[in-house]
Amino acid sequence: HSISYAVVAYWTAYFKANYPLEYMTALLNAHIGDTDKTSGSVAECHRLGIRVLPPDIGASESHFNFDQESLGGPAIRFGLAAIKNVGHSAIEPLVLARREAGGFKDLEDFCKQAGMQGVNRRVLESMIKAGALDCFADRNHLLNNLDKILGFAHQEARLSQSGQSSMFDQFEETI
């Protein structure tokens, strides 16, 4: 029995020493629901010299992942589902919509494309506070207009589900 634990400990140490980026990404994903363990793992990443990039609605996936595109070499991008009060059920439609749309141009495009049925006030507020929507505007501005953003997003989702389009959507198609 103890030999099995020794083998697991050996392989764990081997992977951490030889593949630190991959190991730490897997470790962060294993602790995605536990904020204490996640913060400890992020601190260990900093100790190892691995950059952990903040959550970003334009680049993050639902889980922690490698970010090869960042300046300064490979890094780990913070997963959107790891944000406190945000779960996989709210994030998956957003990530899928971003992939299909090829990214979000601005906040209005995010509200139109995102399919925000699973996103409530608490989820959106947590994403803003974590910095996931910093690419659109200042956090204070977003927090002050949270109800307007959420109302617009849910209105766009209802229009999309009903198959209706607004006058502005028809105007955009003619341009």
C-alpha atoms as a PDB file:
ATOM      1  CA  HIS A   1       0.000   0.000   0.000  1.00  0.00           C
ATOM      2  CA  SER A   2       2.761   2.449   0.871  1.00  0.00           C
ATOM      3  CA  ILE A   3       4.629   1.580  -2.330  1.00  0.00           C
ATOM      4  CA  SER A   4       1.660   2.830  -4.367  1.00  0.00           C
ATOM      5  CA  TYR A   5       1.761   6.170  -2.546  1.00  0.00           C
ATOM      6  CA  ALA A   6       5.506   6.399  -3.086  1.00  0.00           C
ATOM      7  CA  VAL A   7       5.061   5.870  -6.827  1.00  0.00           C
ATOM      8  CA  VAL A   8       2.351   8.545  -6.972  1.00  0.00           C
ATOM      9  CA  ALA A   9       4.573  10.951  -5.003  1.00  0.00           C
ATOM     10  CA  TYR A  10       7.500  10.241  -7.335  1.00  0.00           C
ATOM     11  CA  TRP A  11       5.458  10.878 -10.490  1.00  0.00           C
ATOM     12  CA  THR A  12       3.938  14.027  -8.992  1.00  0.00           C
ATOM     13  CA  ALA A  13       7.384  15.403  -8.176  1.00  0.00           C
ATOM     14  CA  TYR A  14       8.654  14.399 -11.642  1.00  0.00           C
ATOM     15  CA  PHE A  15       5.845  16.215 -13.439  1.00  0.00           C
ATOM     16  CA  LYS A  16       6.166  19.319 -11.264  1.00  0.00           C
ATOM     17  CA  ALA A  17       9.930  19.465 -11.853  1.00  0.00           C
ATOM     18  CA  ASN A  18       9.901  18.712 -15.592  1.00  0.00           C
ATOM     19  CA  TYR A  19       6.519  20.044 -16.771  1.00  0.00           C
ATOM     20  CA  PRO A  20       5.685  22.845 -14.297  1.00  0.00           C
ATOM     21  CA  LEU A  21       3.274  24.755 -16.566  1.00  0.00           C
ATOM     22  CA  GLU A  22       1.225  21.680 -17.398  1.00  0.00           C
ATOM     23  CA  TYR A  23       1.355  20.384 -13.830  1.00  0.00           C
ATOM     24  CA  MET A  24       0.223  23.662 -12.288  1.00  0.00           C
ATOM     25  CA  THR A  25      -2.581  24.038 -14.842  1.00  0.00           C
ATOM     26  CA  ALA A  26      -3.848  20.556 -13.990  1.00  0.00           C
ATOM     27  CA  LEU A  27      -3.547  21.311 -10.277  1.00  0.00           C
ATOM     28  CA  LEU A  28      -5.495  24.563 -10.622  1.00  0.00           C
ATOM     29  CA  ASN A  29      -8.211  22.754 -12.572  1.00  0.00           C
ATOM     30  CA  ALA A  30      -8.384  20.057  -9.898  1.00  0.00           C
ATOM     31  CA  HIS A  31      -9.028  22.724  -7.233  1.00  0.00           C
ATOM     32  CA  ILE A  32     -11.364  24.913  -9.311  1.00  0.00           C
ATOM     33  CA  GLY A  33     -14.140  25.016  -6.684  1.00  0.00           C
ATOM     34  CA  ASP A  34     -11.915  25.556  -3.637  1.00  0.00           C
ATOM     35  CA  THR A  35     -10.774  29.182  -3.356  1.00  0.00           C
ATOM     36  CA  ASP A  36      -8.203  28.475  -0.624  1.00  0.00           C
ATOM     37  CA  LYS A  37      -6.465  25.760  -2.631  1.00  0.00           C
ATOM     38  CA  THR A  38      -6.715  27.813  -5.822  1.00  0.00           C
ATOM     39  CA  SER A  39      -5.085  30.824  -4.172  1.00  0.00           C
ATOM     40  CA  GLY A  40      -2.351  28.576  -2.757  1.00  0.00           C
ATOM     41  CA  SER A  41      -1.729  27.092  -6.184  1.00  0.00           C
ATOM     42  CA  VAL A  42      -1.573  30.560  -7.765  1.00  0.00           C
ATOM     43  CA  ALA A  43       0.991  31.550  -5.133  1.00  0.00           C
ATOM     44  CA  GLU A  44       2.998  28.426  -6.010  1.00  0.00           C
ATOM     45  CA  CYS A  45       2.849  29.435  -9.685  1.00  0.00           C
ATOM     46  CA  HIS A  46       4.353  32.809  -8.805  1.00  0.00           C
ATOM     47  CA  ARG A  47       7.055  31.074  -6.752  1.00  0.00           C
ATOM     48  CA  LEU A  48       7.904  28.889  -9.755  1.00  0.00           C
ATOM     49  CA  GLY A  49       7.991  31.904 -12.076  1.00  0.00           C
ATOM     50  CA  ILE A  50       4.826  30.944 -13.943  1.00  0.00           C
ATOM     51  CA  ARG A  51       2.611  33.900 -14.824  1.00  0.00           C
ATOM     52  CA  VAL A  52      -1.091  33.553 -14.070  1.00  0.00           C
ATOM     53  CA  LEU A  53      -3.051  35.924 -16.273  1.00  0.00           C
ATOM     54  CA  PRO A  54      -6.344  37.385 -15.009  1.00  0.00           C
ATOM     55  CA  PRO A  55      -9.712  36.197 -16.289  1.00  0.00           C
ATOM     56  CA  ASP A  56     -10.768  37.760 -19.572  1.00  0.00           C
ATOM     57  CA  ILE A  57     -14.053  37.164 -21.391  1.00  0.00           C
ATOM     58  CA  GLY A  58     -12.172  37.536 -24.669  1.00  0.00           C
ATOM     59  CA  ALA A  59      -9.452  34.958 -23.945  1.00  0.00           C
ATOM     60  CA  SER A  60     -10.340  32.731 -20.976  1.00  0.00           C
ATOM     61  CA  GLU A  61     -11.993  29.350 -21.206  1.00  0.00           C
ATOM     62  CA  SER A  62     -14.181  27.923 -18.467  1.00  0.00           C
ATOM     63  CA  HIS A  63     -11.164  26.102 -16.956  1.00  0.00           C
ATOM     64  CA  PHE A  64      -7.583  27.226 -16.453  1.00  0.00           C
ATOM     65  CA  ASN A  65      -5.634  26.819 -19.688  1.00  0.00           C
ATOM     66  CA  PHE A  66      -2.313  27.631 -21.344  1.00  0.00           C
ATOM     67  CA  ASP A  67      -2.009  31.031 -22.922  1.00  0.00           C
ATOM     68  CA  GLN A  68       0.716  30.823 -25.552  1.00  0.00           C
ATOM     69  CA  GLU A  69      -0.317  34.115 -27.168  1.00  0.00           C
ATOM     70  CA  SER A  70       0.628  36.319 -24.231  1.00  0.00           C
ATOM     71  CA  LEU A  71       3.626  38.590 -24.329  1.00  0.00           C
ATOM     72  CA  GLY A  72       6.507  37.309 -22.276  1.00  0.00           C
ATOM     73  CA  GLY A  73       6.076  33.625 -23.035  1.00  0.00           C
ATOM     74  CA  PRO A  74       3.664  30.927 -21.969  1.00  0.00           C
ATOM     75  CA  ALA A  75       1.380  31.546 -19.016  1.00  0.00           C
ATOM     76  CA  ILE A  76      -1.726  30.141 -17.384  1.00  0.00           C
ATOM     77  CA  ARG A  77      -4.986  31.996 -18.104  1.00  0.00           C
ATOM     78  CA  PHE A  78      -7.421  32.096 -15.180  1.00  0.00           C
ATOM     79  CA  GLY A  79     -10.575  30.082 -15.850  1.00  0.00           C
ATOM     80  CA  LEU A  80     -13.901  31.906 -15.857  1.00  0.00           C
ATOM     81  CA  ALA A  81     -15.631  29.131 -13.889  1.00  0.00           C
ATOM     82  CA  ALA A  82     -13.036  29.568 -11.130  1.00  0.00           C
ATOM     83  CA  ILE A  83     -14.393  33.039 -10.324  1.00  0.00           C
ATOM     84  CA  LYS A  84     -16.328  32.957  -7.070  1.00  0.00           C
ATOM     85  CA  ASN A  85     -20.139  32.817  -7.559  1.00  0.00           C
ATOM     86  CA  VAL A  86     -19.693  31.812 -11.215  1.00  0.00           C
ATOM     87  CA  GLY A  87     -20.260  28.252 -12.353  1.00  0.00           C
ATOM     88  CA  HIS A  88     -19.814  26.148 -15.445  1.00  0.00           C
ATOM     89  CA  SER A  89     -23.501  26.362 -16.392  1.00  0.00           C
ATOM     90  CA  ALA A  90     -23.302  30.163 -16.681  1.00  0.00           C
ATOM     91  CA  ILE A  91     -19.928  30.244 -18.431  1.00  0.00           C
ATOM     92  CA  GLU A  92     -20.191  27.501 -21.058  1.00  0.00           C
ATOM     93  CA  PRO A  93     -22.750  29.362 -23.253  1.00  0.00           C
ATOM     94  CA  LEU A  94     -20.605  32.516 -23.085  1.00  0.00           C
ATOM     95  CA  VAL A  95     -17.450  30.693 -24.166  1.00  0.00           C
ATOM     96  CA  LEU A  96     -19.315  28.861 -26.927  1.00  0.00           C
ATOM     97  CA  ALA A  97     -20.845  32.121 -28.214  1.00  0.00           C
ATOM     98  CA  ARG A  98     -17.406  33.775 -28.222  1.00  0.00           C
ATOM     99  CA  ARG A  99     -15.956  30.924 -30.293  1.00  0.00           C
ATOM    100  CA  GLU A 100     -18.833  31.042 -32.788  1.00  0.00           C
ATOM    101  CA  ALA A 101     -18.728  34.840 -33.098  1.00  0.00           C
ATOM    102  CA  GLY A 102     -14.937  34.975 -33.328  1.00  0.00           C
ATOM    103  CA  GLY A 103     -14.732  37.198 -30.266  1.00  0.00           C
ATOM    104  CA  PHE A 104     -16.719  40.096 -28.887  1.00  0.00           C
ATOM    105  CA  LYS A 105     -16.116  43.547 -30.380  1.00  0.00           C
ATOM    106  CA  ASP A 106     -17.608  45.534 -27.517  1.00  0.00           C
ATOM    107  CA  LEU A 107     -20.054  45.303 -24.612  1.00  0.00           C
ATOM    108  CA  GLU A 108     -23.088  45.585 -26.889  1.00  0.00           C
ATOM    109  CA  ASP A 109     -21.809  42.760 -29.076  1.00  0.00           C
ATOM    110  CA  PHE A 110     -21.175  40.698 -25.940  1.00  0.00           C
ATOM    111  CA  CYS A 111     -24.769  41.221 -24.788  1.00  0.00           C
ATOM    112  CA  LYS A 112     -26.154  40.337 -28.230  1.00  0.00           C
ATOM    113  CA  GLN A 113     -24.017  37.273 -28.906  1.00  0.00           C
ATOM    114  CA  ALA A 114     -23.498  35.783 -25.459  1.00  0.00           C
ATOM    115  CA  GLY A 115     -26.773  33.997 -24.813  1.00  0.00           C
ATOM    116  CA  MET A 116     -27.016  35.156 -21.213  1.00  0.00           C
ATOM    117  CA  GLN A 117     -29.913  32.946 -20.081  1.00  0.00           C
ATOM    118  CA  GLY A 118     -27.851  31.419 -17.251  1.00  0.00           C
ATOM    119  CA  VAL A 119     -26.261  34.699 -16.231  1.00  0.00           C
ATOM    120  CA  ASN A 120     -27.880  36.489 -13.328  1.00  0.00           C
ATOM    121  CA  ARG A 121     -26.922  39.667 -11.507  1.00  0.00           C
ATOM    122  CA  ARG A 122     -24.600  37.903  -9.060  1.00  0.00           C
ATOM    123  CA  VAL A 123     -22.699  36.089 -11.814  1.00  0.00           C
ATOM    124  CA  LEU A 124     -22.223  39.234 -13.905  1.00  0.00           C
ATOM    125  CA  GLU A 125     -21.209  41.266 -10.849  1.00  0.00           C
ATOM    126  CA  SER A 126     -18.627  38.641  -9.847  1.00  0.00           C
ATOM    127  CA  MET A 127     -17.207  38.576 -13.372  1.00  0.00           C
ATOM    128  CA  ILE A 128     -16.893  42.380 -13.381  1.00  0.00           C
ATOM    129  CA  LYS A 129     -15.238  42.459  -9.951  1.00  0.00           C
ATOM    130  CA  ALA A 130     -12.758  39.754 -11.023  1.00  0.00           C
ATOM    131  CA  GLY A 131     -11.819  41.800 -14.081  1.00  0.00           C
ATOM    132  CA  ALA A 132     -13.201  39.443 -16.725  1.00  0.00           C
ATOM    133  CA  LEU A 133     -14.958  42.329 -18.506  1.00  0.00           C
ATOM    134  CA  ASP A 134     -12.139  44.885 -18.239  1.00  0.00           C
ATOM    135  CA  CYS A 135     -11.705  44.727 -22.026  1.00  0.00           C
ATOM    136  CA  PHE A 136     -15.053  46.547 -22.396  1.00  0.00           C
ATOM    137  CA  ALA A 137     -14.887  49.349 -19.827  1.00  0.00           C
ATOM    138  CA  ASP A 138     -13.718  50.393 -16.377  1.00  0.00           C
ATOM    139  CA  ARG A 139     -14.967  48.164 -13.549  1.00  0.00           C
ATOM    140  CA  ASN A 140     -16.663  51.011 -11.669  1.00  0.00           C
ATOM    141  CA  HIS A 141     -18.506  52.079 -14.816  1.00  0.00           C
ATOM    142  CA  LEU A 142     -19.649  48.499 -15.450  1.00  0.00           C
ATOM    143  CA  LEU A 143     -20.751  48.026 -11.818  1.00  0.00           C
ATOM    144  CA  ASN A 144     -22.689  51.307 -11.854  1.00  0.00           C
ATOM    145  CA  ASN A 145     -24.528  50.228 -15.030  1.00  0.00           C
ATOM    146  CA  LEU A 146     -24.961  46.575 -14.072  1.00  0.00           C
ATOM    147  CA  ASP A 147     -28.771  46.616 -14.153  1.00  0.00           C
ATOM    148  CA  LYS A 148     -28.827  48.280 -17.579  1.00  0.00           C
ATOM    149  CA  ILE A 149     -26.317  45.790 -18.983  1.00  0.00           C
ATOM    150  CA  LEU A 150     -28.222  42.827 -17.581  1.00  0.00           C
ATOM    151  CA  GLY A 151     -31.563  44.177 -18.825  1.00  0.00           C
ATOM    152  CA  PHE A 152     -30.184  44.751 -22.320  1.00  0.00           C
ATOM    153  CA  ALA A 153     -28.584  41.288 -22.390  1.00  0.00           C
ATOM    154  CA  HIS A 154     -31.785  39.537 -21.336  1.00  0.00           C
ATOM    155  CA  GLN A 155     -33.816  41.594 -23.833  1.00  0.00           C
ATOM    156  CA  GLU A 156     -31.439  40.550 -26.628  1.00  0.00           C
ATOM    157  CA  ALA A 157     -31.665  36.911 -25.500  1.00  0.00           C
ATOM    158  CA  ARG A 158     -35.484  37.040 -25.609  1.00  0.00           C
ATOM    159  CA  LEU A 159     -35.430  38.617 -29.084  1.00  0.00           C
ATOM    160  CA  SER A 160     -33.007  35.976 -30.288  1.00  0.00           C
ATOM    161  CA  GLN A 161     -35.121  33.128 -28.927  1.00  0.00           C
ATOM    162  CA  SER A 162     -38.303  34.488 -30.459  1.00  0.00           C
ATOM    163  CA  GLY A 163     -36.666  34.922 -33.858  1.00  0.00           C
ATOM    164  CA  GLN A 164     -37.439  38.635 -33.968  1.00  0.00           C
ATOM    165  CA  SER A 165     -34.931  41.293 -34.826  1.00  0.00           C
ATOM    166  CA  SER A 166     -34.795  44.943 -33.978  1.00  0.00           C
ATOM    167  CA  MET A 167     -34.855  47.824 -36.417  1.00  0.00           C
ATOM    168  CA  PHE A 168     -31.124  48.332 -35.784  1.00  0.00           C
ATOM    169  CA  ASP A 169     -30.309  44.714 -36.678  1.00  0.00           C
ATOM    170  CA  GLN A 170     -31.999  45.170 -40.049  1.00  0.00           C
ATOM    171  CA  PHE A 171     -30.124  48.434 -40.566  1.00  0.00           C
ATOM    172  CA  GLU A 172     -26.768  46.689 -39.897  1.00  0.00           C
ATOM    173  CA  GLU A 173     -27.543  44.004 -42.517  1.00  0.00           C
ATOM    174  CA  THR A 174     -28.054  46.607 -45.279  1.00  0.00           C
ATOM    175  CA  ILE A 175     -24.712  48.290 -44.658  1.00  0.00           C
END
